[in-house]
Amino acid sequence: MNAGPTTPPRRRRFGWPRRVFSQVLLMQLAIAAGTAVLATGLFLRPLSDQLDDQAMRRALAIAETTASEPVADALLASRPSVDGPVQEEAERIREATGAEYVVIMDRRGVRWSHTDTGQIGRIVSTDPSEAIAGHDVMEIDSGTLGRSARGKVPLRDESGRIVGAVSVGIAYDSVRERLLATIPGLLAYAGGALAVGALAAFLISRRLQRQTHDLAFSDISALLAEREAMLHSLREGVIALDGTGRIRLMNDEAQRLLGLGPEATGQPLDVVLGPGRTTDVLAGRVAGDDLLTVSGARVLIANRMPTDDGGAVATLRDRTELEQLGRELDATRGLIDALRAQDHEHANRMHTLMGLLELEMHDEAVEFVTEVVGVHRATAEQVTERIHDPLPAALLVGKATVAAERGVSLRISPATLLPDRLVDPQGLVTVLGNLVDNALDAAAGSEDPRIEVEVRAEGRTVVLRISDSGPGVPREQRELVFTEGWTTKELPTHGRRGLGLAMVRRLAERQGGSAHVTESADGGAEFTVVLPEALADTERVTRDAAPPDDVVRDPAEPVTTGETR
């Protein structure tokens, strides 16, 4: 049986590591080693110059000391010889000071002393003219004894006349030995500093390894690109906060739900959103899961997860349409219950009418039908006489029917008067519908259940006042009732309540108005909502309703109301 082809073993490649931890560690070690080498070189260079200068000054000092001795007289009184007094004095000084050589010469440059006695009587190997001219000389030069640090001074007699020069040399090997002797200690210090730097680099790199989860730079770049793509493709809002409450990032959906722009990134949450429940929920001042909040006209579900750095990530889901469907479901169920009750009542009325007809009590039957029909007609007429806008009028007529089926008396206040020039009829219907629904729920089941609705105009301001005969709202809860998610009712099928009054106050405040609750005259609750600028100017309404100036109307032509036949 033939074996299949085998995969050749992968050759291990040596090169630049991929992990962030390894790259940072190598870079830090390279920086520490380079710094240690550079510091050592920068220290050794001036140290070498300093040692050279010290050696030359020492040679110059020995030469000056030698020139101050009475060697000038011996130089003038004798000849250059190995056993002469000048050689003996020079050797004594050389041995006492440790100099490499002490050379005494005359004005011609002839040596009268030297370590190598064979050089006595010969011309010096370096130019002595500067010293003979009366100048001190310090230099490093090479001569018959090799490279040395030299000091040269003029030699004067008792009268101050220059009769020669003294040259002293310090072996350069001794300078080099002193320099080399300092290198082990310097390297020890540099090695210690390098070891400490390497240990610090390792610890920092290990911490970086934990924080980056041992990822490579390419992995981090890919994760960032994937995160951006994922955040901006999500249909849920995501907002990240740092430890100080500043917005770190927001995706497109969060900007749409909160009504913010990209410029909000980096700013404090309280400054961008302002005070309110939405800010408290996102900042973590309200704890819990699936917290309800209202942002503008949107109903949001918020969840918040803290992060290790003290910040948090919050998610936002738009529940506006679902809440509207839930409220419509509740309204539909209420209408179905009202229709069911009305069906029973209608059947009872039909049975009563049938009995009256069978008993041939025709006058009583006519009176009974007139009374039943007149009640409904009177209710509609009362509403339309005082509320001229069709949307809120239709709403109250329907609510009156529902209230009657629930055994609640809905009364229109005599002070009610609303002209047909609303700027936002749908917004007023939302506010009025929520308040009437709450009043019906509160009044139902109470003794002599009734509610009173007052809608009046004060200039361009609309004031709504709805009172009921229910149990009322305790004083300590009169602000809580306007908080998102706060309710005393059982949860409906869609699982959420406590949004109606919150949206009422939000709509009122968005128009610069207010919403508050007090105690009614019957002991129940009385809600008052003020909506400034809710009515259009009379002049503008008249101008909009007037025909254009360029239209000529026939006086005999009848004026239509927009209806078609």
Protein backbone atom coordinates (compact mmCIF):
# COMPACT_ATOMS: atom_id res chain seq x y z
CA MET A 1 0.00 0.00 0.00
CA ASN A 2 1.56 3.25 -1.11
CA ALA A 3 1.71 6.09 1.33
CA GLY A 4 0.24 9.39 0.29
CA PRO A 5 2.36 12.43 -0.28
CA THR A 6 3.71 13.87 2.89
CA THR A 7 3.67 17.56 3.65
CA PRO A 8 7.19 18.87 4.02
CA PRO A 9 7.90 20.25 7.46
CA ARG A 10 7.48 23.98 7.68
CA ARG A 11 10.76 25.77 8.05
CA ARG A 12 10.72 28.03 11.02
CA ARG A 13 11.06 31.62 9.96
CA PHE A 14 12.99 34.05 12.05
CA GLY A 15 12.03 37.65 11.68
CA TRP A 16 10.07 40.46 13.24
CA PRO A 17 7.46 38.99 15.66
CA ARG A 18 3.74 39.56 15.01
CA ARG A 19 2.50 39.83 18.60
CA VAL A 20 2.15 43.25 20.16
CA PHE A 21 3.77 41.97 23.35
CA SER A 22 6.86 40.68 21.54
CA GLN A 23 7.26 43.73 19.34
CA VAL A 24 6.97 46.16 22.23
CA LEU A 25 9.40 44.10 24.34
CA LEU A 26 12.00 44.00 21.59
CA MET A 27 11.63 47.70 20.88
CA GLN A 28 11.97 48.58 24.55
CA LEU A 29 15.02 46.33 24.95
CA ALA A 30 16.60 47.89 21.88
CA ILE A 31 15.89 51.37 23.21
CA ALA A 32 17.30 50.49 26.64
CA ALA A 33 20.44 48.90 25.16
CA GLY A 34 20.98 51.78 22.75
CA THR A 35 20.53 54.28 25.55
CA ALA A 36 23.05 52.44 27.74
CA VAL A 37 25.63 52.25 24.92
CA LEU A 38 25.12 55.89 24.00
CA ALA A 39 25.39 57.01 27.63
CA THR A 40 28.57 54.95 28.07
CA GLY A 41 30.13 56.42 24.93
CA LEU A 42 29.13 59.96 25.87
CA PHE A 43 30.67 59.42 29.29
CA LEU A 44 33.92 57.81 28.06
CA ARG A 45 34.68 60.49 25.49
CA PRO A 46 34.95 63.43 27.93
CA LEU A 47 36.60 61.11 30.45
CA SER A 48 39.39 60.35 27.98
CA ASP A 49 39.89 64.05 27.27
CA GLN A 50 39.85 64.77 30.98
CA LEU A 51 42.51 62.14 31.66
CA ASP A 52 44.68 63.53 28.85
CA ASP A 53 44.38 67.03 30.27
CA GLN A 54 45.25 65.83 33.76
CA ALA A 55 48.34 64.00 32.46
CA MET A 56 49.55 67.06 30.51
CA ARG A 57 49.01 69.35 33.49
CA ARG A 58 50.87 66.93 35.71
CA ALA A 59 53.80 66.85 33.26
CA LEU A 60 53.76 70.67 33.11
CA ALA A 61 53.77 70.89 36.92
CA ILE A 62 56.77 68.54 37.15
CA ALA A 63 58.57 70.58 34.49
CA GLU A 64 57.88 73.82 36.38
CA THR A 65 59.13 72.24 39.59
CA THR A 66 62.27 71.03 37.83
CA ALA A 67 62.89 74.46 36.31
CA SER A 68 62.68 76.05 39.75
CA GLU A 69 65.54 73.85 41.00
CA PRO A 70 69.18 75.17 40.70
CA VAL A 71 69.74 73.18 37.52
CA ALA A 72 70.37 76.31 35.44
CA ASP A 73 73.66 76.96 37.30
CA ALA A 74 74.71 73.33 36.87
CA LEU A 75 73.83 73.57 33.19
CA LEU A 76 76.08 76.61 32.74
CA ALA A 77 78.90 75.24 34.88
CA SER A 78 79.24 71.74 33.35
CA ARG A 79 78.98 69.79 30.13
CA PRO A 80 76.35 67.21 29.13
CA SER A 81 77.45 63.83 30.51
CA VAL A 82 75.96 60.67 31.95
CA ASP A 83 77.42 61.38 35.39
CA GLY A 84 76.92 65.13 35.33
CA PRO A 85 74.96 67.01 38.00
CA VAL A 86 72.13 67.85 35.57
CA GLN A 87 71.53 64.16 34.77
CA GLU A 88 71.60 63.23 38.42
CA GLU A 89 69.08 65.94 39.40
CA ALA A 90 66.81 65.05 36.50
CA GLU A 91 66.81 61.33 37.38
CA ARG A 92 66.11 62.13 41.02
CA ILE A 93 63.05 64.17 40.06
CA ARG A 94 61.86 61.53 37.55
CA GLU A 95 62.02 58.75 40.10
CA ALA A 96 60.33 60.90 42.75
CA THR A 97 57.41 61.94 40.50
CA GLY A 98 56.95 58.75 38.45
CA ALA A 99 57.40 60.60 35.16
CA GLU A 100 58.48 58.69 32.10
CA TYR A 101 61.33 61.12 31.41
CA VAL A 102 62.72 64.47 32.55
CA VAL A 103 64.80 66.09 29.80
CA ILE A 104 66.81 69.25 30.42
CA MET A 105 68.20 70.94 27.30
CA ASP A 106 70.13 74.03 26.46
CA ARG A 107 69.07 76.73 24.03
CA ARG A 108 70.33 74.68 21.09
CA GLY A 109 68.06 71.77 22.01
CA VAL A 110 70.94 69.54 23.17
CA ARG A 111 69.89 67.08 25.87
CA TRP A 112 71.73 67.32 29.19
CA SER A 113 69.59 64.60 30.75
CA HIS A 114 67.51 61.70 29.54
CA THR A 115 66.19 58.36 30.75
CA ASP A 116 68.13 56.72 27.95
CA THR A 117 71.66 57.90 28.70
CA GLY A 118 72.63 57.27 25.09
CA GLN A 119 70.47 60.28 24.08
CA ILE A 120 72.49 62.72 26.26
CA GLY A 121 74.38 65.21 24.14
CA ARG A 122 72.01 64.79 21.16
CA ILE A 123 69.40 67.15 19.76
CA VAL A 124 65.86 66.55 21.01
CA SER A 125 63.44 64.85 18.62
CA THR A 126 60.69 67.51 18.92
CA ASP A 127 60.91 71.24 18.28
CA PRO A 128 61.77 73.08 21.56
CA SER A 129 61.61 76.57 20.06
CA GLU A 130 58.30 77.55 21.70
CA ALA A 131 59.52 76.63 25.19
CA ILE A 132 62.88 78.31 24.60
CA ALA A 133 60.99 81.37 23.46
CA GLY A 134 59.49 81.59 26.96
CA HIS A 135 56.10 79.82 26.52
CA ASP A 136 54.70 76.89 28.45
CA VAL A 137 53.70 73.97 26.25
CA MET A 138 51.25 71.11 26.91
CA GLU A 139 50.80 68.45 24.27
CA ILE A 140 50.50 64.78 23.52
CA ASP A 141 53.13 63.71 21.07
CA SER A 142 55.43 60.85 20.11
CA GLY A 143 59.16 60.85 20.69
CA THR A 144 62.06 58.50 21.22
CA LEU A 145 60.23 56.82 24.11
CA GLY A 146 56.94 56.58 22.32
CA ARG A 147 53.66 58.49 22.77
CA SER A 148 53.45 60.59 25.93
CA ALA A 149 51.70 63.53 27.57
CA ARG A 150 54.26 66.34 27.66
CA GLY A 151 54.83 69.56 29.48
CA LYS A 152 57.60 72.01 28.47
CA VAL A 153 58.71 75.17 30.28
CA PRO A 154 61.65 77.57 29.76
CA LEU A 155 64.72 77.23 32.04
CA ARG A 156 65.97 80.55 33.41
CA ASP A 157 69.11 81.51 35.35
CA GLU A 158 69.17 83.76 38.40
CA SER A 159 68.93 86.89 36.27
CA GLY A 160 65.84 85.53 34.45
CA ARG A 161 67.63 84.92 31.22
CA ILE A 162 66.46 81.79 29.34
CA VAL A 163 69.32 79.33 29.17
CA GLY A 164 67.40 76.22 28.10
CA ALA A 165 64.17 74.32 28.60
CA VAL A 166 62.76 71.45 30.66
CA SER A 167 60.58 68.77 29.02
CA VAL A 168 58.71 66.21 31.15
CA GLY A 169 56.74 63.29 29.73
CA ILE A 170 54.07 61.08 31.28
CA ALA A 171 53.75 57.70 29.62
CA TYR A 172 50.50 57.61 27.62
CA ASP A 173 50.09 53.97 28.52
CA SER A 174 49.39 55.00 32.11
CA VAL A 175 46.64 57.36 30.90
CA ARG A 176 45.15 54.55 28.84
CA GLU A 177 45.36 52.21 31.80
CA ARG A 178 43.43 54.66 33.97
CA LEU A 179 40.80 54.95 31.24
CA LEU A 180 40.54 51.22 30.84
CA ALA A 181 40.37 50.79 34.59
CA THR A 182 37.20 52.89 34.71
CA ILE A 183 35.47 50.91 31.94
CA PRO A 184 34.55 47.79 34.02
CA GLY A 185 32.87 49.89 36.68
CA LEU A 186 31.14 51.99 34.05
CA LEU A 187 29.95 48.89 32.22
CA ALA A 188 28.73 47.45 35.50
CA TYR A 189 26.59 50.54 36.09
CA ALA A 190 25.41 50.49 32.48
CA GLY A 191 24.62 46.78 32.74
CA GLY A 192 22.65 47.36 35.93
CA ALA A 193 20.70 50.16 34.31
CA LEU A 194 20.11 47.96 31.28
CA ALA A 195 18.90 45.11 33.48
CA VAL A 196 16.49 47.40 35.32
CA GLY A 197 15.26 48.79 32.00
CA ALA A 198 14.84 45.29 30.57
CA LEU A 199 12.87 44.20 33.65
CA ALA A 200 10.65 47.29 33.43
CA ALA A 201 10.18 46.68 29.70
CA PHE A 202 9.21 43.08 30.37
CA LEU A 203 6.68 44.02 33.05
CA ILE A 204 5.16 46.74 30.84
CA SER A 205 5.03 44.35 27.93
CA ARG A 206 3.36 41.68 30.04
CA ARG A 207 0.71 44.16 31.10
CA LEU A 208 0.27 45.19 27.48
CA GLN A 209 -0.03 41.52 26.58
CA ARG A 210 -2.90 41.09 29.05
CA GLN A 211 -4.62 44.25 27.86
CA THR A 212 -4.33 43.36 24.17
CA HIS A 213 -5.12 39.66 24.81
CA ASP A 214 -1.85 38.71 23.09
CA LEU A 215 -3.05 39.94 19.70
CA ALA A 216 -0.93 40.96 16.74
CA PHE A 217 -1.04 44.47 15.32
CA SER A 218 -2.71 43.12 12.19
CA ASP A 219 -5.34 41.41 14.35
CA ILE A 220 -6.02 44.67 16.21
CA SER A 221 -6.36 46.56 12.94
CA ALA A 222 -8.74 43.92 11.59
CA LEU A 223 -10.77 43.97 14.81
CA LEU A 224 -11.09 47.76 14.64
CA ALA A 225 -12.29 47.58 11.04
CA GLU A 226 -14.75 44.81 11.90
CA ARG A 227 -15.98 46.75 14.93
CA GLU A 228 -16.65 49.85 12.85
CA ALA A 229 -18.48 47.84 10.21
CA MET A 230 -20.51 45.95 12.83
CA LEU A 231 -21.43 49.05 14.86
CA HIS A 232 -22.63 51.02 11.87
CA SER A 233 -24.57 48.07 10.42
CA LEU A 234 -26.50 47.33 13.62
CA ARG A 235 -30.11 48.37 13.72
CA GLU A 236 -29.83 48.92 17.47
CA GLY A 237 -28.26 52.02 18.95
CA VAL A 238 -24.88 51.53 20.66
CA ILE A 239 -23.26 54.27 22.73
CA ALA A 240 -20.01 53.86 24.68
CA LEU A 241 -19.03 56.08 27.61
CA ASP A 242 -15.67 56.49 29.35
CA GLY A 243 -15.10 56.64 33.09
CA THR A 244 -15.86 60.39 33.25
CA GLY A 245 -19.21 60.11 31.48
CA ARG A 246 -18.02 61.37 28.10
CA ILE A 247 -19.30 59.80 24.91
CA ARG A 248 -16.56 57.62 23.47
CA LEU A 249 -18.39 56.41 20.36
CA MET A 250 -21.87 56.17 18.87
CA ASN A 251 -23.12 54.22 15.90
CA ASP A 252 -25.48 55.64 13.30
CA GLU A 253 -28.60 54.18 14.91
CA ALA A 254 -27.79 55.73 18.30
CA GLN A 255 -27.34 59.13 16.66
CA ARG A 256 -30.72 58.74 14.96
CA LEU A 257 -32.58 57.59 18.08
CA LEU A 258 -31.09 60.29 20.32
CA GLY A 259 -31.14 63.04 17.71
CA LEU A 260 -27.40 63.65 17.97
CA GLY A 261 -24.65 64.22 15.44
CA PRO A 262 -21.04 63.02 15.16
CA GLU A 263 -19.87 66.18 16.94
CA ALA A 264 -21.33 64.81 20.20
CA THR A 265 -18.48 62.29 20.45
CA GLY A 266 -16.05 63.32 23.18
CA GLN A 267 -18.55 65.52 25.02
CA PRO A 268 -20.15 64.81 28.42
CA LEU A 269 -23.44 62.95 28.25
CA ASP A 270 -25.19 65.43 30.58
CA VAL A 271 -24.22 68.34 28.32
CA VAL A 272 -25.32 66.66 25.08
CA LEU A 273 -28.66 65.22 26.22
CA GLY A 274 -29.46 67.50 29.12
CA PRO A 275 -31.15 66.39 32.35
CA GLY A 276 -33.82 63.72 32.11
CA ARG A 277 -34.51 60.05 32.42
CA THR A 278 -32.68 59.15 29.21
CA THR A 279 -29.49 60.72 30.58
CA ASP A 280 -29.96 59.03 33.97
CA VAL A 281 -30.46 55.62 32.35
CA LEU A 282 -27.42 55.90 30.07
CA ALA A 283 -25.25 57.30 32.89
CA GLY A 284 -26.21 54.41 35.19
CA ARG A 285 -28.08 56.52 37.75
CA VAL A 286 -31.14 54.34 37.10
CA ALA A 287 -30.40 50.63 37.41
CA GLY A 288 -32.23 47.73 35.84
CA ASP A 289 -32.75 45.76 32.65
CA ASP A 290 -34.85 46.83 29.66
CA LEU A 291 -35.44 50.30 31.07
CA LEU A 292 -38.07 52.43 29.37
CA THR A 293 -37.21 55.95 28.32
CA VAL A 294 -38.58 58.54 25.94
CA SER A 295 -36.35 60.53 23.58
CA GLY A 296 -38.33 63.10 21.65
CA ALA A 297 -41.31 61.22 20.25
CA ARG A 298 -39.56 57.85 20.44
CA VAL A 299 -40.01 55.14 23.04
CA LEU A 300 -36.67 53.44 23.74
CA ILE A 301 -35.60 50.33 25.64
CA ALA A 302 -32.14 50.81 27.16
CA ASN A 303 -29.67 48.35 28.64
CA ARG A 304 -26.32 49.29 30.14
CA MET A 305 -23.22 47.18 30.73
CA PRO A 306 -20.26 48.59 32.73
CA THR A 307 -16.71 48.10 31.41
CA ASP A 308 -13.48 47.41 33.29
CA ASP A 309 -12.15 50.95 32.83
CA GLY A 310 -15.09 52.53 34.67
CA GLY A 311 -17.06 53.34 31.54
CA ALA A 312 -20.08 51.59 30.08
CA VAL A 313 -21.69 50.47 26.85
CA ALA A 314 -25.42 51.06 26.43
CA THR A 315 -27.75 49.66 23.79
CA LEU A 316 -30.96 51.32 22.64
CA ARG A 317 -33.91 49.67 20.90
CA ASP A 318 -36.69 51.61 19.24
CA ARG A 319 -40.02 50.44 20.66
CA THR A 320 -42.12 53.32 19.32
CA GLU A 321 -44.03 51.32 16.74
CA LEU A 322 -44.44 48.37 19.10
CA GLU A 323 -45.78 50.64 21.84
CA GLN A 324 -48.16 52.25 19.39
CA LEU A 325 -49.36 48.81 18.33
CA GLY A 326 -49.76 47.86 21.99
CA ARG A 327 -51.79 50.95 22.72
CA GLU A 328 -53.87 50.35 19.62
CA LEU A 329 -54.40 46.79 20.82
CA ASP A 330 -55.55 48.05 24.19
CA ALA A 331 -57.85 50.57 22.50
CA THR A 332 -59.19 47.88 20.18
CA ARG A 333 -59.93 45.59 23.09
CA GLY A 334 -61.64 48.42 24.90
CA LEU A 335 -63.67 49.18 21.80
CA ILE A 336 -64.57 45.52 21.41
CA ASP A 337 -65.71 45.40 25.03
CA ALA A 338 -67.71 48.60 24.46
CA LEU A 339 -69.24 47.18 21.28
CA ARG A 340 -70.10 43.96 23.08
CA ALA A 341 -71.78 45.92 25.84
CA GLN A 342 -73.48 48.13 23.27
CA ASP A 343 -74.70 45.03 21.47
CA HIS A 344 -76.32 43.79 24.65
CA GLU A 345 -77.81 47.22 25.31
CA HIS A 346 -79.03 47.44 21.71
CA ALA A 347 -80.65 44.02 22.02
CA ASN A 348 -82.39 45.10 25.21
CA ARG A 349 -83.64 48.26 23.49
CA MET A 350 -84.89 46.26 20.52
CA HIS A 351 -86.68 43.84 22.81
CA THR A 352 -88.24 46.77 24.65
CA LEU A 353 -89.31 48.36 21.35
CA MET A 354 -90.72 45.04 20.12
CA GLY A 355 -92.71 44.62 23.31
CA LEU A 356 -94.14 48.13 23.03
CA LEU A 357 -95.18 47.47 19.43
CA GLU A 358 -96.74 44.10 20.27
CA LEU A 359 -98.68 45.79 23.05
CA GLU A 360 -99.77 48.37 20.47
CA MET A 361 -98.30 51.15 22.62
CA HIS A 362 -97.21 53.12 19.58
CA ASP A 363 -96.89 56.50 21.25
CA GLU A 364 -94.68 55.06 23.96
CA ALA A 365 -92.53 53.32 21.32
CA VAL A 366 -92.02 56.57 19.40
CA GLU A 367 -91.11 58.38 22.61
CA PHE A 368 -88.67 55.59 23.55
CA VAL A 369 -86.88 55.71 20.18
CA THR A 370 -86.75 59.51 20.24
CA GLU A 371 -85.18 59.49 23.68
CA VAL A 372 -82.52 56.92 22.76
CA VAL A 373 -81.54 58.65 19.53
CA GLY A 374 -81.64 62.09 21.13
CA VAL A 375 -79.05 61.17 23.77
CA HIS A 376 -76.42 60.33 21.15
CA ARG A 377 -77.32 63.34 19.01
CA ALA A 378 -77.10 65.65 22.01
CA THR A 379 -73.67 64.36 22.92
CA ALA A 380 -72.26 64.92 19.41
CA GLU A 381 -73.84 68.34 19.15
CA GLN A 382 -72.43 69.44 22.53
CA VAL A 383 -68.93 68.47 21.45
CA THR A 384 -69.02 70.02 17.96
CA GLU A 385 -70.56 73.25 19.24
CA ARG A 386 -67.56 73.88 21.52
CA ILE A 387 -64.72 72.13 19.68
CA HIS A 388 -64.55 73.25 16.07
CA ASP A 389 -61.50 71.23 14.99
CA PRO A 390 -62.73 67.88 13.61
CA LEU A 391 -59.96 65.64 15.01
CA PRO A 392 -60.30 66.41 18.76
CA ALA A 393 -64.11 66.67 18.33
CA ALA A 394 -64.28 63.19 16.78
CA LEU A 395 -62.00 61.86 19.52
CA LEU A 396 -64.24 63.18 22.30
CA VAL A 397 -67.41 61.84 20.64
CA GLY A 398 -65.86 58.40 20.46
CA LYS A 399 -64.55 58.63 24.04
CA ALA A 400 -68.02 59.68 25.19
CA THR A 401 -69.48 56.50 23.69
CA VAL A 402 -66.82 54.34 25.31
CA ALA A 403 -67.35 56.15 28.64
CA ALA A 404 -71.10 55.57 28.46
CA GLU A 405 -70.60 51.86 27.85
CA ARG A 406 -68.25 51.71 30.85
CA GLY A 407 -70.76 53.49 33.01
CA VAL A 408 -68.77 56.73 33.24
CA SER A 409 -70.31 60.13 32.60
CA LEU A 410 -68.16 62.26 30.29
CA ARG A 411 -69.03 65.93 30.60
CA ILE A 412 -67.80 68.82 28.48
CA SER A 413 -67.03 71.87 30.63
CA PRO A 414 -68.99 75.04 29.85
CA ALA A 415 -65.65 76.87 29.56
CA THR A 416 -64.63 74.67 26.61
CA LEU A 417 -64.11 76.53 23.33
CA LEU A 418 -61.52 75.54 20.75
CA PRO A 419 -61.36 77.29 17.34
CA ASP A 420 -60.48 75.47 14.15
CA ARG A 421 -56.93 76.76 13.74
CA LEU A 422 -54.73 74.20 15.48
CA VAL A 423 -51.09 74.10 14.37
CA ASP A 424 -50.66 70.41 15.27
CA PRO A 425 -54.06 68.69 15.64
CA GLN A 426 -52.46 65.24 15.83
CA GLY A 427 -50.30 66.27 18.80
CA LEU A 428 -53.31 67.66 20.64
CA VAL A 429 -55.25 64.44 19.94
CA THR A 430 -52.34 62.42 21.42
CA VAL A 431 -52.32 64.51 24.61
CA LEU A 432 -56.11 64.59 24.95
CA GLY A 433 -56.54 60.88 24.21
CA ASN A 434 -53.96 59.82 26.82
CA LEU A 435 -55.46 62.04 29.50
CA VAL A 436 -59.07 60.91 28.80
CA ASP A 437 -58.03 57.23 28.78
CA ASN A 438 -56.30 57.61 32.15
CA ALA A 439 -59.31 59.47 33.55
CA LEU A 440 -61.67 56.73 32.34
CA ASP A 441 -59.51 54.03 33.96
CA ALA A 442 -59.36 56.01 37.21
CA ALA A 443 -63.08 56.90 37.35
CA ALA A 444 -64.40 53.46 36.36
CA GLY A 445 -65.55 51.58 39.44
CA SER A 446 -65.78 54.64 41.65
CA GLU A 447 -69.00 55.88 43.20
CA ASP A 448 -70.86 58.14 40.73
CA PRO A 449 -68.07 57.80 38.09
CA ARG A 450 -67.62 60.88 35.95
CA ILE A 451 -64.97 62.89 34.17
CA GLU A 452 -64.96 66.45 32.96
CA VAL A 453 -63.06 67.69 29.93
CA GLU A 454 -62.17 71.34 29.38
CA VAL A 455 -60.32 72.54 26.29
CA ARG A 456 -60.05 76.29 25.96
CA ALA A 457 -58.00 78.79 24.00
CA GLU A 458 -56.18 81.71 25.59
CA GLY A 459 -54.79 83.71 22.69
CA ARG A 460 -52.58 81.23 20.84
CA THR A 461 -52.27 78.97 23.91
CA VAL A 462 -54.46 75.88 24.41
CA VAL A 463 -55.19 74.77 27.98
CA LEU A 464 -56.47 71.24 28.63
CA ARG A 465 -58.00 70.30 31.98
CA ILE A 466 -59.29 66.78 32.61
CA SER A 467 -60.62 65.85 36.04
CA ASP A 468 -62.09 62.56 37.27
CA SER A 469 -63.85 61.11 40.28
CA GLY A 470 -61.25 58.42 40.84
CA PRO A 471 -59.00 57.88 43.87
CA GLY A 472 -56.65 60.71 42.83
CA VAL A 473 -52.86 60.88 42.88
CA PRO A 474 -51.05 61.13 46.25
CA ARG A 475 -49.02 64.31 46.67
CA GLU A 476 -45.70 62.45 46.85
CA GLN A 477 -46.40 60.68 43.54
CA ARG A 478 -47.55 63.65 41.46
CA GLU A 479 -44.18 63.97 39.74
CA LEU A 480 -43.56 60.25 39.46
CA VAL A 481 -46.65 59.74 37.29
CA PHE A 482 -44.86 61.60 34.48
CA THR A 483 -41.81 59.29 34.65
CA GLU A 484 -41.29 56.74 31.88
CA GLY A 485 -42.21 53.25 33.01
CA TRP A 486 -44.01 54.31 36.23
CA THR A 487 -47.52 52.90 36.50
CA THR A 488 -50.04 51.55 39.02
CA LYS A 489 -51.89 49.45 36.44
CA GLU A 490 -51.44 45.81 35.56
CA LEU A 491 -49.19 45.13 32.63
CA PRO A 492 -51.01 44.75 29.29
CA THR A 493 -50.37 42.06 26.71
CA HIS A 494 -47.44 43.90 25.16
CA GLY A 495 -45.81 44.09 28.59
CA ARG A 496 -45.23 47.86 28.86
CA ARG A 497 -47.04 50.71 30.59
CA GLY A 498 -46.16 54.09 32.03
CA LEU A 499 -45.54 55.89 28.72
CA GLY A 500 -48.72 57.91 28.10
CA LEU A 501 -48.23 60.63 30.72
CA ALA A 502 -44.49 60.75 30.02
CA MET A 503 -45.20 61.44 26.37
CA VAL A 504 -47.82 64.06 27.35
CA ARG A 505 -45.28 66.00 29.40
CA ARG A 506 -42.61 65.56 26.73
CA LEU A 507 -44.90 66.93 24.02
CA ALA A 508 -45.91 69.85 26.25
CA GLU A 509 -42.35 70.73 27.21
CA ARG A 510 -41.18 70.45 23.61
CA GLN A 511 -43.66 73.26 22.79
CA GLY A 512 -42.52 75.30 25.79
CA GLY A 513 -45.55 74.31 27.91
CA SER A 514 -46.12 72.26 31.04
CA ALA A 515 -48.10 69.36 32.45
CA HIS A 516 -48.97 68.81 36.11
CA VAL A 517 -51.57 67.10 38.28
CA THR A 518 -53.52 68.34 41.29
CA GLU A 519 -56.56 67.24 43.26
CA SER A 520 -59.95 67.78 41.63
CA ALA A 521 -63.03 69.15 43.33
CA ASP A 522 -64.45 65.59 43.51
CA GLY A 523 -61.35 64.30 45.29
CA GLY A 524 -59.92 62.65 42.18
CA ALA A 525 -57.11 63.79 39.91
CA GLU A 526 -57.09 66.90 37.77
CA PHE A 527 -54.51 67.05 34.97
CA THR A 528 -53.69 70.42 33.43
CA VAL A 529 -51.64 70.72 30.25
CA VAL A 530 -50.60 74.07 28.77
CA LEU A 531 -49.59 74.15 25.09
CA PRO A 532 -48.25 77.56 24.01
CA GLU A 533 -48.32 78.51 20.33
CA ALA A 534 -50.76 75.67 19.64
CA LEU A 535 -53.09 77.93 17.61
CA ALA A 536 -52.22 79.74 14.42
CA ASP A 537 -52.57 83.52 14.11
CA THR A 538 -56.01 84.69 13.01
CA GLU A 539 -54.46 86.87 10.31
CA ARG A 540 -52.50 83.97 8.89
CA VAL A 541 -55.55 81.71 8.90
CA THR A 542 -57.58 84.39 7.12
CA ARG A 543 -54.77 84.97 4.61
CA ASP A 544 -54.42 81.24 3.91
CA ALA A 545 -58.19 80.83 3.50
CA ALA A 546 -58.60 83.87 1.22
CA PRO A 547 -58.49 83.27 -2.56
CA PRO A 548 -55.49 84.58 -4.49
CA ASP A 549 -55.67 88.15 -5.65
CA ASP A 550 -55.40 87.13 -9.29
CA VAL A 551 -58.48 84.93 -9.12
CA VAL A 552 -61.72 86.66 -10.22
CA ARG A 553 -64.81 85.01 -8.79
CA ASP A 554 -68.18 85.19 -10.45
CA PRO A 555 -70.69 86.72 -7.96
CA ALA A 556 -73.28 84.25 -9.15
CA GLU A 557 -71.00 81.27 -8.58
CA PRO A 558 -71.84 79.37 -5.36
CA VAL A 559 -69.10 78.92 -2.77
CA THR A 560 -68.20 75.23 -2.19
CA THR A 561 -66.79 73.69 0.98
CA GLY A 562 -64.41 71.31 -0.73
CA GLU A 563 -66.87 68.43 -0.91
CA THR A 564 -67.26 66.48 -4.14
CA ARG A 565 -70.32 64.82 -5.40
